Amino acid sequence: PPFGKRGYNEKAVADFVALCARRLDGRGHLTADDVRHVRFNKPAFGKRGFDQNQVDDLLAEIATAIDKLDARS
């Protein structure tokens, strides 16, 4: 994120993206709506975290991919 702004907690994002990867590999149970509605805490004071816009864009792509997988099932 820009200097002076705090993004999303890096560990929380990484853990959730790992769950998304499992789902895209056919091993998880997340829905596209789960991905669309997830919320992340801010990082600890003094930490910048992941850029919110970049994470939100990635999650939108993941939700679309899950929708496509579900449409094939």
PDB file of N, CA and C in Angstrom:
ATOM      1  N   PRO A   1       0.829  -1.202   0.000  1.00  0.00           N
ATOM      2  CA  PRO A   1       0.000   0.000   0.000  1.00  0.00           C
ATOM      3  C   PRO A   1       0.867   1.258   0.000  1.00  0.00           C
ATOM      4  N   PRO A   2       0.282   2.368  -0.342  1.00  0.00           N
ATOM      5  CA  PRO A   2       1.051   3.611  -0.326  1.00  0.00           C
ATOM      6  C   PRO A   2       1.608   3.889   1.068  1.00  0.00           C
ATOM      7  N   PHE A   3       2.672   4.665   1.106  1.00  0.00           N
ATOM      8  CA  PHE A   3       3.291   5.016   2.377  1.00  0.00           C
ATOM      9  C   PHE A   3       2.256   5.674   3.282  1.00  0.00           C
ATOM     10  N   GLY A   4       2.231   5.251   4.534  1.00  0.00           N
ATOM     11  CA  GLY A   4       1.293   5.813   5.497  1.00  0.00           C
ATOM     12  C   GLY A   4      -0.046   5.100   5.547  1.00  0.00           C
ATOM     13  N   LYS A   5      -0.274   4.160   4.640  1.00  0.00           N
ATOM     14  CA  LYS A   5      -1.529   3.394   4.616  1.00  0.00           C
ATOM     15  C   LYS A   5      -1.244   1.973   5.068  1.00  0.00           C
ATOM     16  N   ARG A   6      -2.205   1.392   5.732  1.00  0.00           N
ATOM     17  CA  ARG A   6      -2.088  -0.011   6.145  1.00  0.00           C
ATOM     18  C   ARG A   6      -3.039  -0.837   5.304  1.00  0.00           C
ATOM     19  N   GLY A   7      -2.530  -1.916   4.762  1.00  0.00           N
ATOM     20  CA  GLY A   7      -3.343  -2.791   3.935  1.00  0.00           C
ATOM     21  C   GLY A   7      -3.956  -3.910   4.758  1.00  0.00           C
ATOM     22  N   TYR A   8      -4.001  -5.089   4.155  1.00  0.00           N
ATOM     23  CA  TYR A   8      -4.549  -6.265   4.820  1.00  0.00           C
ATOM     24  C   TYR A   8      -3.433  -7.032   5.529  1.00  0.00           C
ATOM     25  N   ASN A   9      -3.784  -7.709   6.601  1.00  0.00           N
ATOM     26  CA  ASN A   9      -2.860  -8.556   7.346  1.00  0.00           C
ATOM     27  C   ASN A   9      -2.308  -9.637   6.410  1.00  0.00           C
ATOM     28  N   GLU A  10      -0.995  -9.686   6.268  1.00  0.00           N
ATOM     29  CA  GLU A  10      -0.369 -10.594   5.307  1.00  0.00           C
ATOM     30  C   GLU A  10      -0.631 -12.062   5.615  1.00  0.00           C
ATOM     31  N   LYS A  11      -0.549 -12.458   6.863  1.00  0.00           N
ATOM     32  CA  LYS A  11      -0.766 -13.869   7.219  1.00  0.00           C
ATOM     33  C   LYS A  11      -2.199 -14.285   6.936  1.00  0.00           C
ATOM     34  N   ALA A  12      -3.149 -13.423   7.275  1.00  0.00           N
ATOM     35  CA  ALA A  12      -4.553 -13.756   7.038  1.00  0.00           C
ATOM     36  C   ALA A  12      -4.824 -13.924   5.547  1.00  0.00           C
ATOM     37  N   VAL A  13      -4.258 -13.037   4.740  1.00  0.00           N
ATOM     38  CA  VAL A  13      -4.444 -13.137   3.290  1.00  0.00           C
ATOM     39  C   VAL A  13      -3.786 -14.410   2.767  1.00  0.00           C
ATOM     40  N   ALA A  14      -2.559 -14.664   3.174  1.00  0.00           N
ATOM     41  CA  ALA A  14      -1.846 -15.854   2.699  1.00  0.00           C
ATOM     42  C   ALA A  14      -2.578 -17.134   3.083  1.00  0.00           C
ATOM     43  N   ASP A  15      -3.085 -17.199   4.303  1.00  0.00           N
ATOM     44  CA  ASP A  15      -3.831 -18.384   4.740  1.00  0.00           C
ATOM     45  C   ASP A  15      -5.091 -18.576   3.907  1.00  0.00           C
ATOM     46  N   PHE A  16      -5.803 -17.485   3.631  1.00  0.00           N
ATOM     47  CA  PHE A  16      -7.036 -17.600   2.857  1.00  0.00           C
ATOM     48  C   PHE A  16      -6.737 -17.970   1.405  1.00  0.00           C
ATOM     49  N   VAL A  17      -5.698 -17.394   0.834  1.00  0.00           N
ATOM     50  CA  VAL A  17      -5.332 -17.731  -0.544  1.00  0.00           C
ATOM     51  C   VAL A  17      -4.932 -19.205  -0.634  1.00  0.00           C
ATOM     52  N   ALA A  18      -4.314 -19.740   0.402  1.00  0.00           N
ATOM     53  CA  ALA A  18      -3.988 -21.173   0.421  1.00  0.00           C
ATOM     54  C   ALA A  18      -5.264 -22.011   0.388  1.00  0.00           C
ATOM     55  N   LEU A  19      -6.294 -21.581   1.117  1.00  0.00           N
ATOM     56  CA  LEU A  19      -7.587 -22.280   1.062  1.00  0.00           C
ATOM     57  C   LEU A  19      -8.185 -22.188  -0.338  1.00  0.00           C
ATOM     58  N   CYS A  20      -8.041 -21.036  -0.955  1.00  0.00           N
ATOM     59  CA  CYS A  20      -8.545 -20.855  -2.316  1.00  0.00           C
ATOM     60  C   CYS A  20      -7.826 -21.792  -3.283  1.00  0.00           C
ATOM     61  N   ALA A  21      -6.520 -21.921  -3.125  1.00  0.00           N
ATOM     62  CA  ALA A  21      -5.747 -22.808  -3.996  1.00  0.00           C
ATOM     63  C   ALA A  21      -6.217 -24.249  -3.851  1.00  0.00           C
ATOM     64  N   ARG A  22      -6.496 -24.666  -2.623  1.00  0.00           N
ATOM     65  CA  ARG A  22      -7.032 -26.021  -2.409  1.00  0.00           C
ATOM     66  C   ARG A  22      -8.352 -26.185  -3.150  1.00  0.00           C
ATOM     67  N   ARG A  23      -9.196 -25.182  -3.068  1.00  0.00           N
ATOM     68  CA  ARG A  23     -10.507 -25.252  -3.726  1.00  0.00           C
ATOM     69  C   ARG A  23     -10.344 -25.344  -5.237  1.00  0.00           C
ATOM     70  N   LEU A  24      -9.435 -24.560  -5.783  1.00  0.00           N
ATOM     71  CA  LEU A  24      -9.212 -24.577  -7.228  1.00  0.00           C
ATOM     72  C   LEU A  24      -8.591 -25.890  -7.686  1.00  0.00           C
ATOM     73  N   ASP A  25      -7.923 -26.587  -6.769  1.00  0.00           N
ATOM     74  CA  ASP A  25      -7.377 -27.915  -7.066  1.00  0.00           C
ATOM     75  C   ASP A  25      -8.411 -29.019  -6.857  1.00  0.00           C
ATOM     76  N   GLY A  26      -9.629 -28.637  -6.471  1.00  0.00           N
ATOM     77  CA  GLY A  26     -10.689 -29.614  -6.286  1.00  0.00           C
ATOM     78  C   GLY A  26     -10.711 -30.256  -4.914  1.00  0.00           C
ATOM     79  N   ARG A  27      -9.981 -29.701  -3.955  1.00  0.00           N
ATOM     80  CA  ARG A  27      -9.909 -30.324  -2.639  1.00  0.00           C
ATOM     81  C   ARG A  27     -10.586 -29.520  -1.546  1.00  0.00           C
ATOM     82  N   GLY A  28     -11.059 -28.341  -1.826  1.00  0.00           N
ATOM     83  CA  GLY A  28     -11.637 -27.498  -0.785  1.00  0.00           C
ATOM     84  C   GLY A  28     -13.130 -27.339  -0.939  1.00  0.00           C
ATOM     85  N   HIS A  29     -13.700 -26.546  -0.054  1.00  0.00           N
ATOM     86  CA  HIS A  29     -15.153 -26.375  -0.035  1.00  0.00           C
ATOM     87  C   HIS A  29     -15.587 -24.918  -0.091  1.00  0.00           C
ATOM     88  N   LEU A  30     -14.665 -23.994  -0.351  1.00  0.00           N
ATOM     89  CA  LEU A  30     -15.041 -22.586  -0.430  1.00  0.00           C
ATOM     90  C   LEU A  30     -15.972 -22.349  -1.609  1.00  0.00           C
ATOM     91  N   THR A  31     -16.902 -21.448  -1.425  1.00  0.00           N
ATOM     92  CA  THR A  31     -17.753 -21.028  -2.532  1.00  0.00           C
ATOM     93  C   THR A  31     -17.244 -19.691  -3.054  1.00  0.00           C
ATOM     94  N   ALA A  32     -17.709 -19.329  -4.234  1.00  0.00           N
ATOM     95  CA  ALA A  32     -17.353 -18.018  -4.781  1.00  0.00           C
ATOM     96  C   ALA A  32     -17.842 -16.911  -3.854  1.00  0.00           C
ATOM     97  N   ASP A  33     -19.007 -17.103  -3.243  1.00  0.00           N
ATOM     98  CA  ASP A  33     -19.514 -16.092  -2.307  1.00  0.00           C
ATOM     99  C   ASP A  33     -18.636 -15.987  -1.061  1.00  0.00           C
ATOM    100  N   ASP A  34     -18.077 -17.107  -0.597  1.00  0.00           N
ATOM    101  CA  ASP A  34     -17.129 -17.046   0.524  1.00  0.00           C
ATOM    102  C   ASP A  34     -15.961 -16.128   0.170  1.00  0.00           C
ATOM    103  N   VAL A  35     -15.473 -16.273  -1.051  1.00  0.00           N
ATOM    104  CA  VAL A  35     -14.337 -15.468  -1.497  1.00  0.00           C
ATOM    105  C   VAL A  35     -14.746 -14.000  -1.626  1.00  0.00           C
ATOM    106  N   ARG A  36     -15.925 -13.768  -2.164  1.00  0.00           N
ATOM    107  CA  ARG A  36     -16.385 -12.384  -2.354  1.00  0.00           C
ATOM    108  C   ARG A  36     -16.633 -11.658  -1.036  1.00  0.00           C
ATOM    109  N   HIS A  37     -16.971 -12.389   0.007  1.00  0.00           N
ATOM    110  CA  HIS A  37     -17.365 -11.747   1.263  1.00  0.00           C
ATOM    111  C   HIS A  37     -16.324 -11.829   2.383  1.00  0.00           C
ATOM    112  N   VAL A  38     -15.158 -12.378   2.090  1.00  0.00           N
ATOM    113  CA  VAL A  38     -14.124 -12.467   3.128  1.00  0.00           C
ATOM    114  C   VAL A  38     -13.662 -11.059   3.512  1.00  0.00           C
ATOM    115  N   ARG A  39     -13.322 -10.903   4.770  1.00  0.00           N
ATOM    116  CA  ARG A  39     -12.798  -9.631   5.284  1.00  0.00           C
ATOM    117  C   ARG A  39     -11.513  -9.921   6.049  1.00  0.00           C
ATOM    118  N   PHE A  40     -10.569  -9.032   5.912  1.00  0.00           N
ATOM    119  CA  PHE A  40      -9.276  -9.196   6.571  1.00  0.00           C
ATOM    120  C   PHE A  40      -9.035  -8.052   7.539  1.00  0.00           C
ATOM    121  N   ASN A  41      -8.363  -8.367   8.631  1.00  0.00           N
ATOM    122  CA  ASN A  41      -7.953  -7.349   9.593  1.00  0.00           C
ATOM    123  C   ASN A  41      -6.776  -6.564   9.039  1.00  0.00           C
ATOM    124  N   LYS A  42      -6.519  -5.447   9.673  1.00  0.00           N
ATOM    125  CA  LYS A  42      -5.336  -4.646   9.355  1.00  0.00           C
ATOM    126  C   LYS A  42      -4.118  -5.320   9.980  1.00  0.00           C
ATOM    127  N   PRO A  43      -2.935  -5.072   9.440  1.00  0.00           N
ATOM    128  CA  PRO A  43      -1.726  -5.621  10.058  1.00  0.00           C
ATOM    129  C   PRO A  43      -1.418  -4.906  11.368  1.00  0.00           C
ATOM    130  N   ALA A  44      -0.498  -5.462  12.107  1.00  0.00           N
ATOM    131  CA  ALA A  44      -0.076  -4.845  13.370  1.00  0.00           C
ATOM    132  C   ALA A  44       0.447  -3.435  13.110  1.00  0.00           C
ATOM    133  N   PHE A  45       0.314  -2.598  14.110  1.00  0.00           N
ATOM    134  CA  PHE A  45       0.792  -1.224  13.989  1.00  0.00           C
ATOM    135  C   PHE A  45       2.263  -1.222  13.570  1.00  0.00           C
ATOM    136  N   GLY A  46       2.592  -0.387  12.611  1.00  0.00           N
ATOM    137  CA  GLY A  46       3.960  -0.324  12.107  1.00  0.00           C
ATOM    138  C   GLY A  46       4.209  -1.213  10.909  1.00  0.00           C
ATOM    139  N   LYS A  47       3.269  -2.081  10.585  1.00  0.00           N
ATOM    140  CA  LYS A  47       3.372  -2.963   9.420  1.00  0.00           C
ATOM    141  C   LYS A  47       2.457  -2.422   8.326  1.00  0.00           C
ATOM    142  N   ARG A  48       2.843  -2.596   7.080  1.00  0.00           N
ATOM    143  CA  ARG A  48       2.041  -2.070   5.975  1.00  0.00           C
ATOM    144  C   ARG A  48       1.031  -3.086   5.454  1.00  0.00           C
ATOM    145  N   GLY A  49       1.397  -4.347   5.417  1.00  0.00           N
ATOM    146  CA  GLY A  49       0.489  -5.372   4.923  1.00  0.00           C
ATOM    147  C   GLY A  49       0.421  -5.396   3.408  1.00  0.00           C
ATOM    148  N   PHE A  50      -0.511  -6.199   2.903  1.00  0.00           N
ATOM    149  CA  PHE A  50      -0.716  -6.310   1.457  1.00  0.00           C
ATOM    150  C   PHE A  50      -1.638  -5.201   0.976  1.00  0.00           C
ATOM    151  N   ASP A  51      -1.388  -4.710  -0.228  1.00  0.00           N
ATOM    152  CA  ASP A  51      -2.214  -3.677  -0.835  1.00  0.00           C
ATOM    153  C   ASP A  51      -3.646  -4.191  -1.003  1.00  0.00           C
ATOM    154  N   GLN A  52      -4.606  -3.456  -0.477  1.00  0.00           N
ATOM    155  CA  GLN A  52      -6.005  -3.895  -0.497  1.00  0.00           C
ATOM    156  C   GLN A  52      -6.538  -4.045  -1.914  1.00  0.00           C
ATOM    157  N   ASN A  53      -6.227  -3.109  -2.795  1.00  0.00           N
ATOM    158  CA  ASN A  53      -6.744  -3.185  -4.165  1.00  0.00           C
ATOM    159  C   ASN A  53      -6.207  -4.406  -4.894  1.00  0.00           C
ATOM    160  N   GLN A  54      -4.931  -4.706  -4.709  1.00  0.00           N
ATOM    161  CA  GLN A  54      -4.355  -5.873  -5.366  1.00  0.00           C
ATOM    162  C   GLN A  54      -4.978  -7.163  -4.845  1.00  0.00           C
ATOM    163  N   VAL A  55      -5.164  -7.249  -3.542  1.00  0.00           N
ATOM    164  CA  VAL A  55      -5.786  -8.440  -2.954  1.00  0.00           C
ATOM    165  C   VAL A  55      -7.226  -8.565  -3.440  1.00  0.00           C
ATOM    166  N   ASP A  56      -7.969  -7.473  -3.425  1.00  0.00           N
ATOM    167  CA  ASP A  56      -9.365  -7.514  -3.871  1.00  0.00           C
ATOM    168  C   ASP A  56      -9.466  -7.943  -5.332  1.00  0.00           C
ATOM    169  N   ASP A  57      -8.549  -7.466  -6.182  1.00  0.00           N
ATOM    170  CA  ASP A  57      -8.546  -7.870  -7.591  1.00  0.00           C
ATOM    171  C   ASP A  57      -8.270  -9.365  -7.728  1.00  0.00           C
ATOM    172  N   LEU A  58      -7.297  -9.865  -6.974  1.00  0.00           N
ATOM    173  CA  LEU A  58      -6.984 -11.298  -7.004  1.00  0.00           C
ATOM    174  C   LEU A  58      -8.183 -12.121  -6.553  1.00  0.00           C
ATOM    175  N   LEU A  59      -8.834 -11.703  -5.476  1.00  0.00           N
ATOM    176  CA  LEU A  59      -9.985 -12.453  -4.967  1.00  0.00           C
ATOM    177  C   LEU A  59     -11.140 -12.442  -5.957  1.00  0.00           C
ATOM    178  N   ALA A  60     -11.319 -11.353  -6.685  1.00  0.00           N
ATOM    179  CA  ALA A  60     -12.367 -11.303  -7.712  1.00  0.00           C
ATOM    180  C   ALA A  60     -12.076 -12.326  -8.809  1.00  0.00           C
ATOM    181  N   GLU A  61     -10.813 -12.447  -9.198  1.00  0.00           N
ATOM    182  CA  GLU A  61     -10.436 -13.448 -10.201  1.00  0.00           C
ATOM    183  C   GLU A  61     -10.657 -14.862  -9.674  1.00  0.00           C
ATOM    184  N   ILE A  62     -10.322 -15.094  -8.429  1.00  0.00           N
ATOM    185  CA  ILE A  62     -10.516 -16.416  -7.827  1.00  0.00           C
ATOM    186  C   ILE A  62     -11.999 -16.753  -7.762  1.00  0.00           C
ATOM    187  N   ALA A  63     -12.833 -15.802  -7.364  1.00  0.00           N
ATOM    188  CA  ALA A  63     -14.280 -16.044  -7.287  1.00  0.00           C
ATOM    189  C   ALA A  63     -14.833 -16.400  -8.660  1.00  0.00           C
ATOM    190  N   THR A  64     -14.381 -15.704  -9.695  1.00  0.00           N
ATOM    191  CA  THR A  64     -14.821 -16.005 -11.057  1.00  0.00           C
ATOM    192  C   THR A  64     -14.391 -17.411 -11.462  1.00  0.00           C
ATOM    193  N   ALA A  65     -13.173 -17.789 -11.113  1.00  0.00           N
ATOM    194  CA  ALA A  65     -12.682 -19.133 -11.438  1.00  0.00           C
ATOM    195  C   ALA A  65     -13.503 -20.203 -10.728  1.00  0.00           C
ATOM    196  N   ILE A  66     -13.872 -19.965  -9.487  1.00  0.00           N
ATOM    197  CA  ILE A  66     -14.698 -20.932  -8.753  1.00  0.00           C
ATOM    198  C   ILE A  66     -16.082 -21.022  -9.384  1.00  0.00           C
ATOM    199  N   ASP A  67     -16.651 -19.888  -9.781  1.00  0.00           N
ATOM    200  CA  ASP A  67     -17.942 -19.912 -10.479  1.00  0.00           C
ATOM    201  C   ASP A  67     -17.864 -20.783 -11.729  1.00  0.00           C
ATOM    202  N   LYS A  68     -16.790 -20.650 -12.484  1.00  0.00           N
ATOM    203  CA  LYS A  68     -16.623 -21.441 -13.711  1.00  0.00           C
ATOM    204  C   LYS A  68     -16.481 -22.927 -13.390  1.00  0.00           C
ATOM    205  N   LEU A  69     -15.732 -23.247 -12.344  1.00  0.00           N
ATOM    206  CA  LEU A  69     -15.601 -24.652 -11.934  1.00  0.00           C
ATOM    207  C   LEU A  69     -16.954 -25.234 -11.543  1.00  0.00           C
ATOM    208  N   ASP A  70     -17.717 -24.471 -10.780  1.00  0.00           N
ATOM    209  CA  ASP A  70     -19.021 -24.953 -10.327  1.00  0.00           C
ATOM    210  C   ASP A  70     -19.999 -25.107 -11.487  1.00  0.00           C
ATOM    211  N   ALA A  71     -19.884 -24.261 -12.493  1.00  0.00           N
ATOM    212  CA  ALA A  71     -20.771 -24.350 -13.657  1.00  0.00           C
ATOM    213  C   ALA A  71     -20.504 -25.622 -14.453  1.00  0.00           C
ATOM    214  N   ARG A  72     -19.272 -26.115 -14.403  1.00  0.00           N
ATOM    215  CA  ARG A  72     -18.920 -27.348 -15.114  1.00  0.00           C
ATOM    216  C   ARG A  72     -19.386 -28.596 -14.383  1.00  0.00           C
ATOM    217  N   SER A  73     -19.642 -28.467 -13.096  1.00  0.00           N
ATOM    218  CA  SER A  73     -20.002 -29.645 -12.285  1.00  0.00           C
ATOM    219  C   SER A  73     -21.444 -30.032 -12.466  1.00  0.00           C
TER     220      SER A  73
END
